[in-house]
PDB file of N, CA and C in Angstrom:
ATOM      1  N   MET A   1       0.842  -1.171   0.000  1.00  0.00           N
ATOM      2  CA  MET A   1       0.000   0.000   0.000  1.00  0.00           C
ATOM      3  C   MET A   1       0.892   1.240   0.000  1.00  0.00           C
ATOM      4  N   THR A   2       0.628   2.137  -0.909  1.00  0.00           N
ATOM      5  CA  THR A   2       1.350   3.408  -0.969  1.00  0.00           C
ATOM      6  C   THR A   2       0.335   4.519  -1.183  1.00  0.00           C
ATOM      7  N   THR A   3       0.478   5.599  -0.409  1.00  0.00           N
ATOM      8  CA  THR A   3      -0.409   6.740  -0.573  1.00  0.00           C
ATOM      9  C   THR A   3       0.344   8.028  -0.248  1.00  0.00           C
ATOM     10  N   THR A   4      -0.033   9.105  -0.902  1.00  0.00           N
ATOM     11  CA  THR A   4       0.546  10.410  -0.610  1.00  0.00           C
ATOM     12  C   THR A   4      -0.110  10.952   0.656  1.00  0.00           C
ATOM     13  N   ILE A   5       0.715  11.416   1.611  1.00  0.00           N
ATOM     14  CA  ILE A   5       0.157  11.944   2.855  1.00  0.00           C
ATOM     15  C   ILE A   5       0.425  13.434   3.033  1.00  0.00           C
ATOM     16  N   LYS A   6       1.386  13.968   2.291  1.00  0.00           N
ATOM     17  CA  LYS A   6       1.720  15.389   2.429  1.00  0.00           C
ATOM     18  C   LYS A   6       2.392  15.838   1.143  1.00  0.00           C
ATOM     19  N   ALA A   7       2.122  17.066   0.731  1.00  0.00           N
ATOM     20  CA  ALA A   7       2.764  17.598  -0.464  1.00  0.00           C
ATOM     21  C   ALA A   7       2.976  19.089  -0.309  1.00  0.00           C
ATOM     22  N   GLY A   8       4.062  19.558  -0.853  1.00  0.00           N
ATOM     23  CA  GLY A   8       4.394  20.975  -0.822  1.00  0.00           C
ATOM     24  C   GLY A   8       4.898  21.419  -2.174  1.00  0.00           C
ATOM     25  N   ARG A   9       5.302  22.652  -2.260  1.00  0.00           N
ATOM     26  CA  ARG A   9       5.774  23.206  -3.532  1.00  0.00           C
ATOM     27  C   ARG A   9       7.010  22.484  -4.052  1.00  0.00           C
ATOM     28  N   ASN A  10       7.877  22.012  -3.156  1.00  0.00           N
ATOM     29  CA  ASN A  10       9.141  21.405  -3.578  1.00  0.00           C
ATOM     30  C   ASN A  10       9.311  19.940  -3.192  1.00  0.00           C
ATOM     31  N   SER A  11       8.322  19.361  -2.537  1.00  0.00           N
ATOM     32  CA  SER A  11       8.463  17.963  -2.121  1.00  0.00           C
ATOM     33  C   SER A  11       7.092  17.347  -1.866  1.00  0.00           C
ATOM     34  N   PHE A  12       7.087  16.017  -1.768  1.00  0.00           N
ATOM     35  CA  PHE A  12       5.889  15.321  -1.325  1.00  0.00           C
ATOM     36  C   PHE A  12       6.313  14.089  -0.542  1.00  0.00           C
ATOM     37  N   THR A  13       5.445  13.673   0.380  1.00  0.00           N
ATOM     38  CA  THR A  13       5.744  12.545   1.252  1.00  0.00           C
ATOM     39  C   THR A  13       4.714  11.456   1.020  1.00  0.00           C
ATOM     40  N   MET A  14       5.215  10.244   0.869  1.00  0.00           N
ATOM     41  CA  MET A  14       4.349   9.084   0.673  1.00  0.00           C
ATOM     42  C   MET A  14       4.476   8.150   1.867  1.00  0.00           C
ATOM     43  N   PHE A  15       3.348   7.559   2.245  1.00  0.00           N
ATOM     44  CA  PHE A  15       3.313   6.560   3.306  1.00  0.00           C
ATOM     45  C   PHE A  15       3.236   5.202   2.634  1.00  0.00           C
ATOM     46  N   GLN A  16       4.045   4.257   3.114  1.00  0.00           N
ATOM     47  CA  GLN A  16       4.072   2.928   2.509  1.00  0.00           C
ATOM     48  C   GLN A  16       4.010   1.849   3.575  1.00  0.00           C
ATOM     49  N   ARG A  17       3.252   0.804   3.274  1.00  0.00           N
ATOM     50  CA  ARG A  17       3.208  -0.392   4.105  1.00  0.00           C
ATOM     51  C   ARG A  17       3.382  -1.589   3.185  1.00  0.00           C
ATOM     52  N   ILE A  18       4.229  -2.507   3.625  1.00  0.00           N
ATOM     53  CA  ILE A  18       4.452  -3.740   2.863  1.00  0.00           C
ATOM     54  C   ILE A  18       4.208  -4.914   3.805  1.00  0.00           C
ATOM     55  N   PHE A  19       3.448  -5.874   3.300  1.00  0.00           N
ATOM     56  CA  PHE A  19       3.106  -7.054   4.082  1.00  0.00           C
ATOM     57  C   PHE A  19       3.766  -8.292   3.484  1.00  0.00           C
ATOM     58  N   LEU A  20       4.066  -9.259   4.341  1.00  0.00           N
ATOM     59  CA  LEU A  20       4.603 -10.537   3.909  1.00  0.00           C
ATOM     60  C   LEU A  20       3.590 -11.189   2.977  1.00  0.00           C
ATOM     61  N   LYS A  21       4.055 -11.688   1.853  1.00  0.00           N
ATOM     62  CA  LYS A  21       3.183 -12.243   0.815  1.00  0.00           C
ATOM     63  C   LYS A  21       2.195 -13.244   1.407  1.00  0.00           C
ATOM     64  N   ASP A  22       0.944 -13.078   1.010  1.00  0.00           N
ATOM     65  CA  ASP A  22      -0.148 -13.966   1.398  1.00  0.00           C
ATOM     66  C   ASP A  22      -0.414 -13.994   2.905  1.00  0.00           C
ATOM     67  N   THR A  23      -0.009 -12.925   3.614  1.00  0.00           N
ATOM     68  CA  THR A  23      -0.294 -12.815   5.050  1.00  0.00           C
ATOM     69  C   THR A  23      -0.678 -11.376   5.350  1.00  0.00           C
ATOM     70  N   ASP A  24      -1.033 -11.134   6.590  1.00  0.00           N
ATOM     71  CA  ASP A  24      -1.257  -9.760   7.023  1.00  0.00           C
ATOM     72  C   ASP A  24      -0.168  -9.327   7.998  1.00  0.00           C
ATOM     73  N   ILE A  25       1.016  -9.944   7.860  1.00  0.00           N
ATOM     74  CA  ILE A  25       2.168  -9.605   8.692  1.00  0.00           C
ATOM     75  C   ILE A  25       2.885  -8.399   8.083  1.00  0.00           C
ATOM     76  N   LEU A  26       2.897  -7.295   8.830  1.00  0.00           N
ATOM     77  CA  LEU A  26       3.533  -6.059   8.384  1.00  0.00           C
ATOM     78  C   LEU A  26       5.053  -6.201   8.478  1.00  0.00           C
ATOM     79  N   VAL A  27       5.759  -5.948   7.365  1.00  0.00           N
ATOM     80  CA  VAL A  27       7.221  -6.036   7.378  1.00  0.00           C
ATOM     81  C   VAL A  27       7.889  -4.678   7.169  1.00  0.00           C
ATOM     82  N   VAL A  28       7.182  -3.727   6.570  1.00  0.00           N
ATOM     83  CA  VAL A  28       7.726  -2.386   6.377  1.00  0.00           C
ATOM     84  C   VAL A  28       6.606  -1.369   6.573  1.00  0.00           C
ATOM     85  N   ASP A  29       6.924  -0.338   7.328  1.00  0.00           N
ATOM     86  CA  ASP A  29       6.021   0.779   7.574  1.00  0.00           C
ATOM     87  C   ASP A  29       6.893   2.027   7.440  1.00  0.00           C
ATOM     88  N   ALA A  30       6.702   2.805   6.361  1.00  0.00           N
ATOM     89  CA  ALA A  30       7.650   3.892   6.093  1.00  0.00           C
ATOM     90  C   ALA A  30       6.968   5.141   5.563  1.00  0.00           C
ATOM     91  N   GLU A  31       7.609   6.285   5.819  1.00  0.00           N
ATOM     92  CA  GLU A  31       7.278   7.551   5.175  1.00  0.00           C
ATOM     93  C   GLU A  31       8.488   7.946   4.347  1.00  0.00           C
ATOM     94  N   VAL A  32       8.257   8.225   3.066  1.00  0.00           N
ATOM     95  CA  VAL A  32       9.339   8.574   2.153  1.00  0.00           C
ATOM     96  C   VAL A  32       9.075   9.966   1.591  1.00  0.00           C
ATOM     97  N   THR A  33      10.024  10.886   1.794  1.00  0.00           N
ATOM     98  CA  THR A  33       9.903  12.241   1.256  1.00  0.00           C
ATOM     99  C   THR A  33      10.714  12.332  -0.029  1.00  0.00           C
ATOM    100  N   ASN A  34      10.058  12.803  -1.081  1.00  0.00           N
ATOM    101  CA  ASN A  34      10.685  12.951  -2.395  1.00  0.00           C
ATOM    102  C   ASN A  34      10.949  14.421  -2.671  1.00  0.00           C
ATOM    103  N   VAL A  35      12.188  14.740  -3.005  1.00  0.00           N
ATOM    104  CA  VAL A  35      12.592  16.084  -3.399  1.00  0.00           C
ATOM    105  C   VAL A  35      13.361  15.932  -4.704  1.00  0.00           C
ATOM    106  N   PHE A  36      12.991  16.688  -5.711  1.00  0.00           N
ATOM    107  CA  PHE A  36      13.661  16.614  -7.005  1.00  0.00           C
ATOM    108  C   PHE A  36      14.703  17.721  -7.093  1.00  0.00           C
ATOM    109  N   ILE A  37      15.900  17.374  -7.538  1.00  0.00           N
ATOM    110  CA  ILE A  37      17.016  18.320  -7.592  1.00  0.00           C
ATOM    111  C   ILE A  37      17.587  18.361  -8.999  1.00  0.00           C
ATOM    112  N   ASP A  38      17.779  19.556  -9.516  1.00  0.00           N
ATOM    113  CA  ASP A  38      18.507  19.754 -10.770  1.00  0.00           C
ATOM    114  C   ASP A  38      19.988  19.665 -10.418  1.00  0.00           C
ATOM    115  N   MET A  39      20.612  18.550 -10.755  1.00  0.00           N
ATOM    116  CA  MET A  39      22.006  18.316 -10.362  1.00  0.00           C
ATOM    117  C   MET A  39      22.966  19.296 -11.027  1.00  0.00           C
ATOM    118  N   ASN A  40      22.635  19.773 -12.230  1.00  0.00           N
ATOM    119  CA  ASN A  40      23.514  20.735 -12.905  1.00  0.00           C
ATOM    120  C   ASN A  40      23.480  22.101 -12.227  1.00  0.00           C
ATOM    121  N   ALA A  41      22.275  22.520 -11.838  1.00  0.00           N
ATOM    122  CA  ALA A  41      22.127  23.832 -11.205  1.00  0.00           C
ATOM    123  C   ALA A  41      22.321  23.755  -9.692  1.00  0.00           C
ATOM    124  N   GLY A  42      22.216  22.558  -9.139  1.00  0.00           N
ATOM    125  CA  GLY A  42      22.331  22.409  -7.694  1.00  0.00           C
ATOM    126  C   GLY A  42      21.157  23.009  -6.943  1.00  0.00           C
ATOM    127  N   LYS A  43      19.975  23.000  -7.578  1.00  0.00           N
ATOM    128  CA  LYS A  43      18.791  23.603  -6.976  1.00  0.00           C
ATOM    129  C   LYS A  43      17.625  22.621  -6.950  1.00  0.00           C
ATOM    130  N   VAL A  44      16.729  22.849  -6.007  1.00  0.00           N
ATOM    131  CA  VAL A  44      15.511  22.056  -5.915  1.00  0.00           C
ATOM    132  C   VAL A  44      14.593  22.405  -7.078  1.00  0.00           C
ATOM    133  N   VAL A  45      13.961  21.402  -7.665  1.00  0.00           N
ATOM    134  CA  VAL A  45      13.018  21.591  -8.760  1.00  0.00           C
ATOM    135  C   VAL A  45      11.603  21.580  -8.181  1.00  0.00           C
ATOM    136  N   PRO A  46      10.810  22.629  -8.403  1.00  0.00           N
ATOM    137  CA  PRO A  46       9.435  22.631  -7.894  1.00  0.00           C
ATOM    138  C   PRO A  46       8.618  21.481  -8.487  1.00  0.00           C
ATOM    139  N   VAL A  47       7.691  20.959  -7.699  1.00  0.00           N
ATOM    140  CA  VAL A  47       6.787  19.920  -8.189  1.00  0.00           C
ATOM    141  C   VAL A  47       5.863  20.576  -9.204  1.00  0.00           C
ATOM    142  N   ASP A  48       5.871  20.076 -10.434  1.00  0.00           N
ATOM    143  CA  ASP A  48       5.068  20.677 -11.499  1.00  0.00           C
ATOM    144  C   ASP A  48       4.139  19.630 -12.116  1.00  0.00           C
ATOM    145  N   ASN A  49       3.425  20.017 -13.178  1.00  0.00           N
ATOM    146  CA  ASN A  49       2.462  19.119 -13.813  1.00  0.00           C
ATOM    147  C   ASN A  49       3.107  17.853 -14.352  1.00  0.00           C
ATOM    148  N   GLU A  50       4.336  17.929 -14.823  1.00  0.00           N
ATOM    149  CA  GLU A  50       5.027  16.737 -15.327  1.00  0.00           C
ATOM    150  C   GLU A  50       5.240  15.726 -14.206  1.00  0.00           C
ATOM    151  N   ILE A  51       5.635  16.204 -13.055  1.00  0.00           N
ATOM    152  CA  ILE A  51       5.834  15.319 -11.903  1.00  0.00           C
ATOM    153  C   ILE A  51       4.484  14.798 -11.419  1.00  0.00           C
ATOM    154  N   ILE A  52       3.491  15.664 -11.340  1.00  0.00           N
ATOM    155  CA  ILE A  52       2.157  15.250 -10.889  1.00  0.00           C
ATOM    156  C   ILE A  52       1.593  14.166 -11.799  1.00  0.00           C
ATOM    157  N   SER A  53       1.794  14.280 -13.102  1.00  0.00           N
ATOM    158  CA  SER A  53       1.262  13.276 -14.024  1.00  0.00           C
ATOM    159  C   SER A  53       1.922  11.918 -13.829  1.00  0.00           C
ATOM    160  N   SER A  54       3.125  11.896 -13.259  1.00  0.00           N
ATOM    161  CA  SER A  54       3.798  10.634 -12.966  1.00  0.00           C
ATOM    162  C   SER A  54       3.252   9.989 -11.695  1.00  0.00           C
ATOM    163  N   TRP A  55       2.691  10.788 -10.803  1.00  0.00           N
ATOM    164  CA  TRP A  55       2.097  10.317  -9.545  1.00  0.00           C
ATOM    165  C   TRP A  55       0.683  10.888  -9.452  1.00  0.00           C
ATOM    166  N   PRO A  56      -0.302  10.229 -10.074  1.00  0.00           N
ATOM    167  CA  PRO A  56      -1.667  10.777 -10.109  1.00  0.00           C
ATOM    168  C   PRO A  56      -2.247  11.104  -8.738  1.00  0.00           C
ATOM    169  N   ASP A  57      -1.847  10.394  -7.685  1.00  0.00           N
ATOM    170  CA  ASP A  57      -2.341  10.676  -6.342  1.00  0.00           C
ATOM    171  C   ASP A  57      -2.008  12.104  -5.908  1.00  0.00           C
ATOM    172  N   LEU A  58      -0.955  12.691  -6.458  1.00  0.00           N
ATOM    173  CA  LEU A  58      -0.588  14.066  -6.110  1.00  0.00           C
ATOM    174  C   LEU A  58      -1.644  15.072  -6.544  1.00  0.00           C
ATOM    175  N   GLY A  59      -2.384  14.755  -7.600  1.00  0.00           N
ATOM    176  CA  GLY A  59      -3.422  15.652  -8.089  1.00  0.00           C
ATOM    177  C   GLY A  59      -4.469  15.970  -7.036  1.00  0.00           C
ATOM    178  N   ASN A  60      -4.638  15.074  -6.057  1.00  0.00           N
ATOM    179  CA  ASN A  60      -5.585  15.309  -4.966  1.00  0.00           C
ATOM    180  C   ASN A  60      -5.100  16.393  -4.015  1.00  0.00           C
ATOM    181  N   TYR A  61      -3.834  16.755  -4.088  1.00  0.00           N
ATOM    182  CA  TYR A  61      -3.244  17.725  -3.181  1.00  0.00           C
ATOM    183  C   TYR A  61      -3.010  19.089  -3.821  1.00  0.00           C
ATOM    184  N   PHE A  62      -2.954  19.142  -5.127  1.00  0.00           N
ATOM    185  CA  PHE A  62      -2.547  20.355  -5.819  1.00  0.00           C
ATOM    186  C   PHE A  62      -3.685  21.359  -5.887  1.00  0.00           C
ATOM    187  N   ASN A  63      -3.474  22.578  -5.405  1.00  0.00           N
ATOM    188  CA  ASN A  63      -4.487  23.634  -5.476  1.00  0.00           C
ATOM    189  C   ASN A  63      -4.717  24.043  -6.920  1.00  0.00           C
ATOM    190  N   LYS A  64      -5.918  24.467  -7.220  1.00  0.00           N
ATOM    191  CA  LYS A  64      -6.262  24.846  -8.587  1.00  0.00           C
ATOM    192  C   LYS A  64      -5.411  25.987  -9.119  1.00  0.00           C
ATOM    193  N   ASP A  65      -4.941  26.888  -8.252  1.00  0.00           N
ATOM    194  CA  ASP A  65      -4.127  28.008  -8.722  1.00  0.00           C
ATOM    195  C   ASP A  65      -2.667  27.598  -8.928  1.00  0.00           C
ATOM    196  N   LYS A  66      -2.337  26.326  -8.627  1.00  0.00           N
ATOM    197  CA  LYS A  66      -1.018  25.748  -8.864  1.00  0.00           C
ATOM    198  C   LYS A  66       0.095  26.405  -8.062  1.00  0.00           C
ATOM    199  N   SER A  67      -0.259  27.140  -6.997  1.00  0.00           N
ATOM    200  CA  SER A  67       0.763  27.807  -6.217  1.00  0.00           C
ATOM    201  C   SER A  67       1.237  26.954  -5.040  1.00  0.00           C
ATOM    202  N   SER A  68       0.400  26.002  -4.619  1.00  0.00           N
ATOM    203  CA  SER A  68       0.782  25.186  -3.477  1.00  0.00           C
ATOM    204  C   SER A  68      -0.045  23.913  -3.444  1.00  0.00           C
ATOM    205  N   PHE A  69       0.319  23.050  -2.526  1.00  0.00           N
ATOM    206  CA  PHE A  69      -0.379  21.793  -2.358  1.00  0.00           C
ATOM    207  C   PHE A  69      -1.109  21.787  -1.032  1.00  0.00           C
ATOM    208  N   SER A  70      -2.243  21.148  -0.992  1.00  0.00           N
ATOM    209  CA  SER A  70      -2.953  20.883   0.252  1.00  0.00           C
ATOM    210  C   SER A  70      -3.937  19.762  -0.008  1.00  0.00           C
ATOM    211  N   LYS A  71      -4.285  19.032   1.028  1.00  0.00           N
ATOM    212  CA  LYS A  71      -5.209  17.913   0.871  1.00  0.00           C
ATOM    213  C   LYS A  71      -6.585  18.410   0.485  1.00  0.00           C
ATOM    214  N   SER A  72      -7.113  17.875  -0.632  1.00  0.00           N
ATOM    215  CA  SER A  72      -8.463  18.217  -1.055  1.00  0.00           C
ATOM    216  C   SER A  72      -9.441  17.458  -0.190  1.00  0.00           C
ATOM    217  N   THR A  73     -10.601  18.040   0.042  1.00  0.00           N
ATOM    218  CA  THR A  73     -11.620  17.356   0.835  1.00  0.00           C
ATOM    219  C   THR A  73     -12.822  17.049  -0.016  1.00  0.00           C
TER     220      THR A  73
END
């Protein structure tokens, strides 16, 4: 199971749970924060539509004015 739990202008955090195959035994419980960096410029790359299209769950967080992210209700 993987789901986005937090998103911002420059990063997003996903919550992940992995269970032992064919059981309900939890083996991994993690939060992973993703930050994209332009290695040539040495700068953080803002989360944009190209990144959002790669992770459709992010669309639930992106404000319509595209200035920031927040959980839609």
